[in-house]
Amino acid sequence: MAFAPANPDGEGTFPRLRIYYRDFKRLRWGKMLRTVARPSRAFLLLLMLALASCSSSETVDQQSKLAASTAQAAALVSDAWLSGAAPSRYASSALQSFAETLADAGRQLESASVSDPAKRDALAAAASRLSNAAKRANNAVEAEQHAQAGQALQELRAAQGDLATAYRQYFSPDR
């Protein structure tokens, strides 16, 4: 004897059993969720407190390091373009991306709440200067202006030094 579905949708001959199983699954998941929800609320509260109490110096450190490595990459791309080793399209695209990353790092640094805003502002200013130099390098590459790209590269390197100095001052112990 061949099996024939009970209805045209092909659900089979036991639709009521399927309903009971679905209700059982809901009930089981409901109990599990209630069992897990109580401890997870406490965990979430503790996690939020821990994250809130994290020092923003970690953010400053991360953003400063991101700015330093991005600036180094921008300088390398600019130098490669000036020497003819990188095509204009690649250099322009990379420099635009680097400028945006540096600008974002500067905004993150500016918004960090720290105990010494003057030191934070020095880091943010250096990141902003790096972003502006990368934008100038990008504009020079797009215009095929080697002299302007060389000046932008010098600005990038000078701003890298400013960032390194501001970083050392920010993380040096007060004397």
N, C-alpha and C. Protein backbone atom coordinates (compact mmCIF):
# COMPACT_ATOMS: atom_id res chain seq x y z
N MET A 1 0.84 -1.17 0.00
CA MET A 1 0.00 0.00 0.00
C MET A 1 0.89 1.24 0.00
N ALA A 2 0.58 2.16 -0.85
CA ALA A 2 1.38 3.37 -1.01
C ALA A 2 0.92 4.44 -0.02
N PHE A 3 1.87 5.29 0.36
CA PHE A 3 1.58 6.39 1.29
C PHE A 3 0.96 7.54 0.52
N ALA A 4 -0.13 8.06 1.04
CA ALA A 4 -0.79 9.18 0.40
C ALA A 4 -0.94 10.29 1.44
N PRO A 5 -0.54 11.51 1.11
CA PRO A 5 -0.70 12.60 2.07
C PRO A 5 -2.16 12.84 2.40
N ALA A 6 -2.42 13.29 3.62
CA ALA A 6 -3.78 13.52 4.08
C ALA A 6 -4.38 14.78 3.47
N ASN A 7 -3.55 15.71 3.08
CA ASN A 7 -4.08 16.93 2.48
C ASN A 7 -3.27 17.28 1.25
N PRO A 8 -3.76 18.17 0.43
CA PRO A 8 -3.06 18.48 -0.82
C PRO A 8 -1.72 19.18 -0.60
N ASP A 9 -1.48 19.76 0.58
CA ASP A 9 -0.21 20.44 0.82
C ASP A 9 0.93 19.46 1.04
N GLY A 10 0.61 18.19 1.23
CA GLY A 10 1.64 17.19 1.41
C GLY A 10 2.22 17.18 2.81
N GLU A 11 1.45 17.60 3.81
CA GLU A 11 1.97 17.63 5.17
C GLU A 11 2.02 16.26 5.81
N GLY A 12 1.45 15.28 5.24
CA GLY A 12 1.48 13.95 5.81
C GLY A 12 0.17 13.62 6.51
N THR A 13 0.13 12.47 7.16
CA THR A 13 -1.11 12.01 7.77
C THR A 13 -1.23 12.37 9.24
N PHE A 14 -0.20 13.01 9.82
CA PHE A 14 -0.24 13.31 11.25
C PHE A 14 -0.06 14.81 11.52
N PRO A 15 -0.95 15.67 11.02
CA PRO A 15 -0.78 17.10 11.25
C PRO A 15 -0.92 17.49 12.72
N ARG A 16 -1.78 16.78 13.48
CA ARG A 16 -1.95 17.11 14.90
C ARG A 16 -0.68 16.78 15.67
N LEU A 17 0.00 15.71 15.32
CA LEU A 17 1.24 15.35 15.99
C LEU A 17 2.29 16.44 15.76
N ARG A 18 2.30 17.00 14.58
CA ARG A 18 3.23 18.08 14.27
C ARG A 18 2.94 19.30 15.14
N ILE A 19 1.69 19.61 15.37
CA ILE A 19 1.31 20.73 16.23
C ILE A 19 1.79 20.49 17.65
N TYR A 20 1.59 19.30 18.16
CA TYR A 20 2.01 18.99 19.52
C TYR A 20 3.53 19.09 19.64
N TYR A 21 4.23 18.60 18.66
CA TYR A 21 5.69 18.66 18.70
C TYR A 21 6.18 20.11 18.67
N ARG A 22 5.53 20.93 17.85
CA ARG A 22 5.89 22.34 17.78
C ARG A 22 5.63 23.02 19.14
N ASP A 23 4.49 22.72 19.77
CA ASP A 23 4.21 23.28 21.09
C ASP A 23 5.23 22.80 22.11
N PHE A 24 5.61 21.54 22.02
CA PHE A 24 6.62 21.00 22.93
C PHE A 24 7.95 21.74 22.75
N LYS A 25 8.34 21.99 21.51
CA LYS A 25 9.59 22.71 21.25
C LYS A 25 9.52 24.12 21.82
N ARG A 26 8.38 24.79 21.65
CA ARG A 26 8.23 26.13 22.20
C ARG A 26 8.34 26.11 23.71
N LEU A 27 7.68 25.16 24.31
CA LEU A 27 7.71 25.05 25.76
C LEU A 27 9.14 24.79 26.24
N ARG A 28 9.82 23.88 25.59
CA ARG A 28 11.19 23.56 25.96
C ARG A 28 12.10 24.77 25.79
N TRP A 29 11.98 25.47 24.65
CA TRP A 29 12.81 26.66 24.43
C TRP A 29 12.45 27.77 25.40
N GLY A 30 11.17 27.89 25.71
CA GLY A 30 10.74 28.91 26.66
C GLY A 30 11.36 28.69 28.03
N LYS A 31 11.37 27.43 28.50
CA LYS A 31 11.98 27.15 29.79
C LYS A 31 13.48 27.41 29.75
N MET A 32 14.11 27.01 28.65
CA MET A 32 15.56 27.24 28.55
C MET A 32 15.87 28.73 28.53
N LEU A 33 15.06 29.49 27.81
CA LEU A 33 15.32 30.93 27.74
C LEU A 33 15.12 31.59 29.10
N ARG A 34 14.08 31.18 29.81
CA ARG A 34 13.87 31.74 31.14
C ARG A 34 15.02 31.36 32.07
N THR A 35 15.52 30.15 31.94
CA THR A 35 16.62 29.70 32.77
C THR A 35 17.90 30.46 32.46
N VAL A 36 18.10 30.76 31.19
CA VAL A 36 19.31 31.46 30.77
C VAL A 36 19.17 32.96 30.95
N ALA A 37 17.95 33.48 30.82
CA ALA A 37 17.76 34.93 30.83
C ALA A 37 18.12 35.57 32.16
N ARG A 38 17.80 34.93 33.25
CA ARG A 38 18.09 35.54 34.55
C ARG A 38 19.58 35.74 34.75
N PRO A 39 20.40 34.70 34.61
CA PRO A 39 21.84 34.93 34.79
C PRO A 39 22.43 35.83 33.71
N SER A 40 21.90 35.78 32.49
CA SER A 40 22.49 36.60 31.44
C SER A 40 22.21 38.08 31.65
N ARG A 41 21.09 38.42 32.30
CA ARG A 41 20.84 39.83 32.62
C ARG A 41 21.90 40.35 33.57
N ALA A 42 22.22 39.56 34.57
CA ALA A 42 23.26 39.97 35.52
C ALA A 42 24.60 40.06 34.81
N PHE A 43 24.86 39.11 33.92
CA PHE A 43 26.12 39.13 33.17
C PHE A 43 26.20 40.37 32.29
N LEU A 44 25.11 40.70 31.62
CA LEU A 44 25.10 41.88 30.76
C LEU A 44 25.34 43.15 31.56
N LEU A 45 24.73 43.22 32.74
CA LEU A 45 24.94 44.38 33.59
C LEU A 45 26.41 44.50 34.00
N LEU A 46 27.00 43.37 34.40
CA LEU A 46 28.41 43.38 34.76
C LEU A 46 29.30 43.72 33.57
N LEU A 47 28.95 43.20 32.41
CA LEU A 47 29.72 43.49 31.21
C LEU A 47 29.65 44.97 30.86
N MET A 48 28.47 45.56 30.97
CA MET A 48 28.33 46.99 30.68
C MET A 48 29.14 47.82 31.66
N LEU A 49 29.12 47.44 32.93
CA LEU A 49 29.91 48.17 33.92
C LEU A 49 31.40 48.03 33.64
N ALA A 50 31.82 46.83 33.27
CA ALA A 50 33.23 46.62 32.97
C ALA A 50 33.67 47.44 31.77
N LEU A 51 32.84 47.46 30.73
CA LEU A 51 33.19 48.23 29.54
C LEU A 51 33.20 49.73 29.83
N ALA A 52 32.27 50.16 30.65
CA ALA A 52 32.21 51.58 30.98
C ALA A 52 33.41 52.00 31.82
N SER A 53 33.89 51.08 32.62
CA SER A 53 35.02 51.43 33.49
C SER A 53 36.36 51.26 32.80
N CYS A 54 36.36 50.69 31.60
CA CYS A 54 37.62 50.54 30.87
C CYS A 54 38.21 51.92 30.62
N SER A 55 39.47 52.00 30.75
CA SER A 55 40.16 53.26 30.55
C SER A 55 40.10 53.66 29.09
N SER A 56 39.84 54.92 28.85
CA SER A 56 39.81 55.37 27.46
C SER A 56 41.23 55.49 26.91
N SER A 57 42.22 55.29 27.78
CA SER A 57 43.59 55.31 27.27
C SER A 57 43.83 54.15 26.31
N GLU A 58 43.04 53.06 26.46
CA GLU A 58 43.13 51.96 25.50
C GLU A 58 42.68 52.44 24.12
N THR A 59 41.59 53.20 24.08
CA THR A 59 41.10 53.75 22.82
C THR A 59 42.13 54.70 22.23
N VAL A 60 42.69 55.55 23.08
CA VAL A 60 43.69 56.50 22.61
C VAL A 60 44.90 55.75 22.07
N ASP A 61 45.31 54.71 22.76
CA ASP A 61 46.45 53.91 22.32
C ASP A 61 46.17 53.25 20.98
N GLN A 62 45.00 52.63 20.86
CA GLN A 62 44.65 51.94 19.61
C GLN A 62 44.55 52.92 18.44
N GLN A 63 43.88 54.04 18.65
CA GLN A 63 43.71 55.01 17.56
C GLN A 63 45.03 55.66 17.18
N SER A 64 45.89 55.89 18.16
CA SER A 64 47.21 56.47 17.87
C SER A 64 48.05 55.50 17.05
N LYS A 65 48.00 54.23 17.42
CA LYS A 65 48.75 53.22 16.66
C LYS A 65 48.18 53.05 15.26
N LEU A 66 46.85 53.10 15.15
CA LEU A 66 46.22 53.03 13.83
C LEU A 66 46.66 54.21 12.97
N ALA A 67 46.68 55.41 13.56
CA ALA A 67 47.10 56.59 12.81
C ALA A 67 48.56 56.47 12.38
N ALA A 68 49.40 55.97 13.27
CA ALA A 68 50.83 55.85 12.94
C ALA A 68 51.05 54.85 11.81
N SER A 69 50.40 53.71 11.86
CA SER A 69 50.60 52.71 10.80
C SER A 69 49.98 53.16 9.48
N THR A 70 48.83 53.83 9.55
CA THR A 70 48.20 54.33 8.33
C THR A 70 49.04 55.43 7.70
N ALA A 71 49.61 56.29 8.53
CA ALA A 71 50.47 57.35 8.00
C ALA A 71 51.72 56.76 7.35
N GLN A 72 52.27 55.72 7.94
CA GLN A 72 53.44 55.07 7.34
C GLN A 72 53.08 54.47 5.99
N ALA A 73 51.90 53.85 5.90
CA ALA A 73 51.46 53.30 4.62
C ALA A 73 51.25 54.40 3.59
N ALA A 74 50.69 55.52 4.01
CA ALA A 74 50.48 56.65 3.09
C ALA A 74 51.82 57.18 2.59
N ALA A 75 52.79 57.26 3.48
CA ALA A 75 54.12 57.73 3.07
C ALA A 75 54.75 56.75 2.08
N LEU A 76 54.60 55.47 2.32
CA LEU A 76 55.17 54.47 1.41
C LEU A 76 54.52 54.52 0.03
N VAL A 77 53.20 54.69 0.00
CA VAL A 77 52.50 54.77 -1.29
C VAL A 77 52.89 56.04 -2.02
N SER A 78 52.99 57.13 -1.30
CA SER A 78 53.39 58.40 -1.92
C SER A 78 54.80 58.28 -2.50
N ASP A 79 55.68 57.71 -1.72
CA ASP A 79 57.06 57.53 -2.17
C ASP A 79 57.12 56.61 -3.39
N ALA A 80 56.32 55.54 -3.37
CA ALA A 80 56.30 54.62 -4.52
C ALA A 80 55.76 55.32 -5.77
N TRP A 81 54.74 56.16 -5.60
CA TRP A 81 54.21 56.87 -6.76
C TRP A 81 55.24 57.86 -7.31
N LEU A 82 55.91 58.55 -6.40
CA LEU A 82 56.92 59.52 -6.84
C LEU A 82 58.06 58.85 -7.60
N SER A 83 58.40 57.63 -7.21
CA SER A 83 59.49 56.93 -7.89
C SER A 83 59.01 56.18 -9.13
N GLY A 84 57.70 56.21 -9.39
CA GLY A 84 57.16 55.55 -10.58
C GLY A 84 56.85 54.08 -10.36
N ALA A 85 56.95 53.61 -9.14
CA ALA A 85 56.71 52.19 -8.85
C ALA A 85 55.23 51.87 -8.62
N ALA A 86 54.40 52.87 -8.42
CA ALA A 86 52.97 52.64 -8.19
C ALA A 86 52.16 53.42 -9.21
N PRO A 87 51.15 52.78 -9.80
CA PRO A 87 50.30 53.50 -10.76
C PRO A 87 49.46 54.57 -10.06
N SER A 88 49.11 55.58 -10.80
CA SER A 88 48.36 56.71 -10.25
C SER A 88 47.02 56.28 -9.67
N ARG A 89 46.33 55.41 -10.37
CA ARG A 89 45.01 54.99 -9.90
C ARG A 89 45.10 54.29 -8.54
N TYR A 90 46.08 53.41 -8.40
CA TYR A 90 46.26 52.71 -7.13
C TYR A 90 46.65 53.69 -6.03
N ALA A 91 47.61 54.55 -6.32
CA ALA A 91 48.08 55.51 -5.31
C ALA A 91 46.96 56.44 -4.87
N SER A 92 46.19 56.92 -5.82
CA SER A 92 45.09 57.83 -5.49
C SER A 92 44.05 57.14 -4.61
N SER A 93 43.67 55.94 -4.99
CA SER A 93 42.68 55.19 -4.21
C SER A 93 43.18 54.89 -2.81
N ALA A 94 44.43 54.46 -2.71
CA ALA A 94 45.00 54.14 -1.40
C ALA A 94 45.12 55.39 -0.54
N LEU A 95 45.58 56.48 -1.11
CA LEU A 95 45.74 57.71 -0.33
C LEU A 95 44.39 58.26 0.14
N GLN A 96 43.37 58.13 -0.70
CA GLN A 96 42.04 58.57 -0.28
C GLN A 96 41.56 57.74 0.91
N SER A 97 41.76 56.43 0.84
CA SER A 97 41.37 55.55 1.93
C SER A 97 42.15 55.87 3.21
N PHE A 98 43.46 56.11 3.05
CA PHE A 98 44.29 56.44 4.21
C PHE A 98 43.85 57.76 4.84
N ALA A 99 43.52 58.74 4.02
CA ALA A 99 43.07 60.04 4.54
C ALA A 99 41.79 59.88 5.34
N GLU A 100 40.87 59.06 4.85
CA GLU A 100 39.62 58.82 5.57
C GLU A 100 39.87 58.10 6.89
N THR A 101 40.76 57.11 6.87
CA THR A 101 41.08 56.39 8.10
C THR A 101 41.73 57.31 9.12
N LEU A 102 42.62 58.17 8.65
CA LEU A 102 43.28 59.11 9.56
C LEU A 102 42.30 60.13 10.12
N ALA A 103 41.37 60.58 9.30
CA ALA A 103 40.35 61.53 9.79
C ALA A 103 39.47 60.86 10.85
N ASP A 104 39.11 59.61 10.61
CA ASP A 104 38.30 58.88 11.58
C ASP A 104 39.06 58.68 12.89
N ALA A 105 40.33 58.34 12.79
CA ALA A 105 41.15 58.18 14.00
C ALA A 105 41.23 59.49 14.77
N GLY A 106 41.35 60.60 14.06
CA GLY A 106 41.38 61.91 14.70
C GLY A 106 40.08 62.20 15.44
N ARG A 107 38.95 61.86 14.81
CA ARG A 107 37.65 62.06 15.47
C ARG A 107 37.52 61.18 16.72
N GLN A 108 37.99 59.95 16.61
CA GLN A 108 37.95 59.05 17.77
C GLN A 108 38.81 59.59 18.90
N LEU A 109 39.97 60.12 18.55
CA LEU A 109 40.85 60.69 19.58
C LEU A 109 40.21 61.91 20.22
N GLU A 110 39.58 62.75 19.43
CA GLU A 110 38.93 63.95 19.96
C GLU A 110 37.80 63.62 20.91
N SER A 111 37.09 62.53 20.64
CA SER A 111 35.93 62.19 21.45
C SER A 111 36.27 61.37 22.69
N ALA A 112 37.52 60.93 22.82
CA ALA A 112 37.90 60.14 24.00
C ALA A 112 37.89 61.02 25.24
N SER A 113 37.30 60.50 26.30
CA SER A 113 37.29 61.25 27.55
C SER A 113 38.51 60.82 28.37
N VAL A 114 39.37 61.77 28.62
CA VAL A 114 40.63 61.49 29.31
C VAL A 114 40.84 62.50 30.42
N SER A 115 41.82 62.19 31.26
CA SER A 115 42.09 63.09 32.38
C SER A 115 42.88 64.32 31.95
N ASP A 116 43.65 64.20 30.86
CA ASP A 116 44.45 65.33 30.39
C ASP A 116 44.06 65.67 28.95
N PRO A 117 43.07 66.54 28.77
CA PRO A 117 42.61 66.85 27.41
C PRO A 117 43.66 67.52 26.54
N ALA A 118 44.61 68.23 27.12
CA ALA A 118 45.63 68.90 26.31
C ALA A 118 46.50 67.88 25.58
N LYS A 119 46.85 66.80 26.26
CA LYS A 119 47.66 65.75 25.62
C LYS A 119 46.84 65.02 24.56
N ARG A 120 45.57 64.78 24.86
CA ARG A 120 44.69 64.14 23.88
C ARG A 120 44.54 65.02 22.65
N ASP A 121 44.38 66.33 22.87
CA ASP A 121 44.21 67.26 21.76
C ASP A 121 45.46 67.30 20.87
N ALA A 122 46.63 67.14 21.48
CA ALA A 122 47.86 67.10 20.68
C ALA A 122 47.87 65.89 19.77
N LEU A 123 47.41 64.75 20.29
CA LEU A 123 47.32 63.54 19.45
C LEU A 123 46.30 63.73 18.33
N ALA A 124 45.15 64.29 18.68
CA ALA A 124 44.10 64.50 17.67
C ALA A 124 44.57 65.48 16.60
N ALA A 125 45.29 66.52 17.00
CA ALA A 125 45.80 67.50 16.03
C ALA A 125 46.80 66.85 15.09
N ALA A 126 47.65 65.98 15.63
CA ALA A 126 48.62 65.29 14.78
C ALA A 126 47.91 64.37 13.79
N ALA A 127 46.87 63.67 14.25
CA ALA A 127 46.12 62.80 13.35
C ALA A 127 45.41 63.62 12.27
N SER A 128 44.88 64.76 12.65
CA SER A 128 44.22 65.64 11.68
C SER A 128 45.23 66.16 10.65
N ARG A 129 46.41 66.51 11.12
CA ARG A 129 47.46 66.98 10.21
C ARG A 129 47.88 65.86 9.25
N LEU A 130 47.95 64.64 9.76
CA LEU A 130 48.26 63.50 8.90
C LEU A 130 47.18 63.30 7.84
N SER A 131 45.93 63.43 8.24
CA SER A 131 44.82 63.27 7.30
C SER A 131 44.89 64.34 6.21
N ASN A 132 45.15 65.57 6.60
CA ASN A 132 45.23 66.65 5.62
C ASN A 132 46.40 66.44 4.66
N ALA A 133 47.53 65.96 5.18
CA ALA A 133 48.68 65.70 4.31
C ALA A 133 48.37 64.57 3.33
N ALA A 134 47.67 63.53 3.79
CA ALA A 134 47.29 62.43 2.89
C ALA A 134 46.32 62.92 1.83
N LYS A 135 45.40 63.82 2.19
CA LYS A 135 44.48 64.40 1.20
C LYS A 135 45.24 65.20 0.15
N ARG A 136 46.23 65.99 0.62
CA ARG A 136 47.04 66.78 -0.33
C ARG A 136 47.84 65.85 -1.25
N ALA A 137 48.35 64.77 -0.69
CA ALA A 137 49.08 63.81 -1.52
C ALA A 137 48.15 63.19 -2.55
N ASN A 138 46.95 62.86 -2.14
CA ASN A 138 45.98 62.29 -3.06
C ASN A 138 45.65 63.27 -4.18
N ASN A 139 45.41 64.54 -3.82
CA ASN A 139 45.11 65.55 -4.84
C ASN A 139 46.27 65.73 -5.80
N ALA A 140 47.48 65.68 -5.28
CA ALA A 140 48.66 65.83 -6.14
C ALA A 140 48.80 64.64 -7.09
N VAL A 141 48.52 63.45 -6.59
CA VAL A 141 48.60 62.25 -7.45
C VAL A 141 47.55 62.34 -8.54
N GLU A 142 46.33 62.72 -8.17
CA GLU A 142 45.27 62.82 -9.18
C GLU A 142 45.60 63.86 -10.24
N ALA A 143 46.29 64.94 -9.85
CA ALA A 143 46.66 66.00 -10.80
C ALA A 143 48.00 65.74 -11.46
N GLU A 144 48.63 64.60 -11.11
CA GLU A 144 49.95 64.24 -11.65
C GLU A 144 50.99 65.32 -11.36
N GLN A 145 50.92 65.92 -10.19
CA GLN A 145 51.85 66.97 -9.76
C GLN A 145 52.90 66.38 -8.82
N HIS A 146 54.07 66.06 -9.34
CA HIS A 146 55.11 65.42 -8.54
C HIS A 146 55.65 66.35 -7.45
N ALA A 147 55.78 67.62 -7.76
CA ALA A 147 56.32 68.55 -6.77
C ALA A 147 55.38 68.67 -5.57
N GLN A 148 54.08 68.78 -5.83
CA GLN A 148 53.11 68.87 -4.74
C GLN A 148 53.06 67.57 -3.95
N ALA A 149 53.19 66.44 -4.63
CA ALA A 149 53.20 65.16 -3.93
C ALA A 149 54.43 65.05 -3.04
N GLY A 150 55.55 65.57 -3.51
CA GLY A 150 56.76 65.56 -2.68
C GLY A 150 56.59 66.42 -1.43
N GLN A 151 55.95 67.58 -1.59
CA GLN A 151 55.67 68.43 -0.43
C GLN A 151 54.72 67.74 0.55
N ALA A 152 53.70 67.08 0.01
CA ALA A 152 52.75 66.37 0.86
C ALA A 152 53.44 65.23 1.60
N LEU A 153 54.38 64.57 0.94
CA LEU A 153 55.15 63.50 1.59
C LEU A 153 55.97 64.06 2.74
N GLN A 154 56.59 65.22 2.53
CA GLN A 154 57.34 65.87 3.62
C GLN A 154 56.42 66.23 4.78
N GLU A 155 55.22 66.73 4.46
CA GLU A 155 54.24 67.05 5.51
C GLU A 155 53.82 65.79 6.27
N LEU A 156 53.63 64.69 5.53
CA LEU A 156 53.28 63.43 6.18
C LEU A 156 54.36 63.02 7.17
N ARG A 157 55.60 63.10 6.74
CA ARG A 157 56.71 62.68 7.62
C ARG A 157 56.84 63.60 8.83
N ALA A 158 56.64 64.90 8.64
CA ALA A 158 56.70 65.83 9.77
C ALA A 158 55.56 65.56 10.75
N ALA A 159 54.37 65.29 10.22
CA ALA A 159 53.22 65.01 11.08
C ALA A 159 53.40 63.67 11.80
N GLN A 160 54.09 62.72 11.16
CA GLN A 160 54.39 61.46 11.84
C GLN A 160 55.25 61.72 13.07
N GLY A 161 56.22 62.60 12.92
CA GLY A 161 57.06 62.96 14.06
C GLY A 161 56.25 63.64 15.16
N ASP A 162 55.31 64.50 14.77
CA ASP A 162 54.44 65.15 15.75
C ASP A 162 53.58 64.13 16.49
N LEU A 163 53.08 63.14 15.75
CA LEU A 163 52.26 62.11 16.38
C LEU A 163 53.09 61.29 17.36
N ALA A 164 54.31 60.94 16.97
CA ALA A 164 55.18 60.17 17.86
C ALA A 164 55.50 60.96 19.13
N THR A 165 55.76 62.24 18.99
CA THR A 165 56.05 63.08 20.15
C THR A 165 54.83 63.19 21.06
N ALA A 166 53.66 63.42 20.47
CA ALA A 166 52.43 63.54 21.26
C ALA A 166 52.11 62.22 21.96
N TYR A 167 52.38 61.10 21.29
CA TYR A 167 52.14 59.78 21.88
C TYR A 167 53.04 59.56 23.09
N ARG A 168 54.32 59.88 22.93
CA ARG A 168 55.26 59.74 24.06
C ARG A 168 54.83 60.61 25.22
N GLN A 169 54.42 61.83 24.96
CA GLN A 169 54.00 62.74 26.03
C GLN A 169 52.72 62.25 26.69
N TYR A 170 51.81 61.71 25.90
CA TYR A 170 50.55 61.24 26.46
C TYR A 170 50.76 60.07 27.42
N PHE A 171 51.63 59.14 27.02
CA PHE A 171 51.81 57.93 27.82
C PHE A 171 53.01 57.97 28.76
N SER A 172 53.71 59.08 28.79
CA SER A 172 54.82 59.18 29.73
C SER A 172 54.28 59.48 31.13
N PRO A 173 54.91 58.92 32.15
CA PRO A 173 54.45 59.22 33.51
C PRO A 173 54.73 60.69 33.83
N ASP A 174 53.79 61.29 34.56
CA ASP A 174 53.97 62.70 34.94
C ASP A 174 55.07 62.79 35.97
N ARG A 175 55.91 63.77 35.78
CA ARG A 175 57.02 63.96 36.72
C ARG A 175 56.92 65.26 37.39
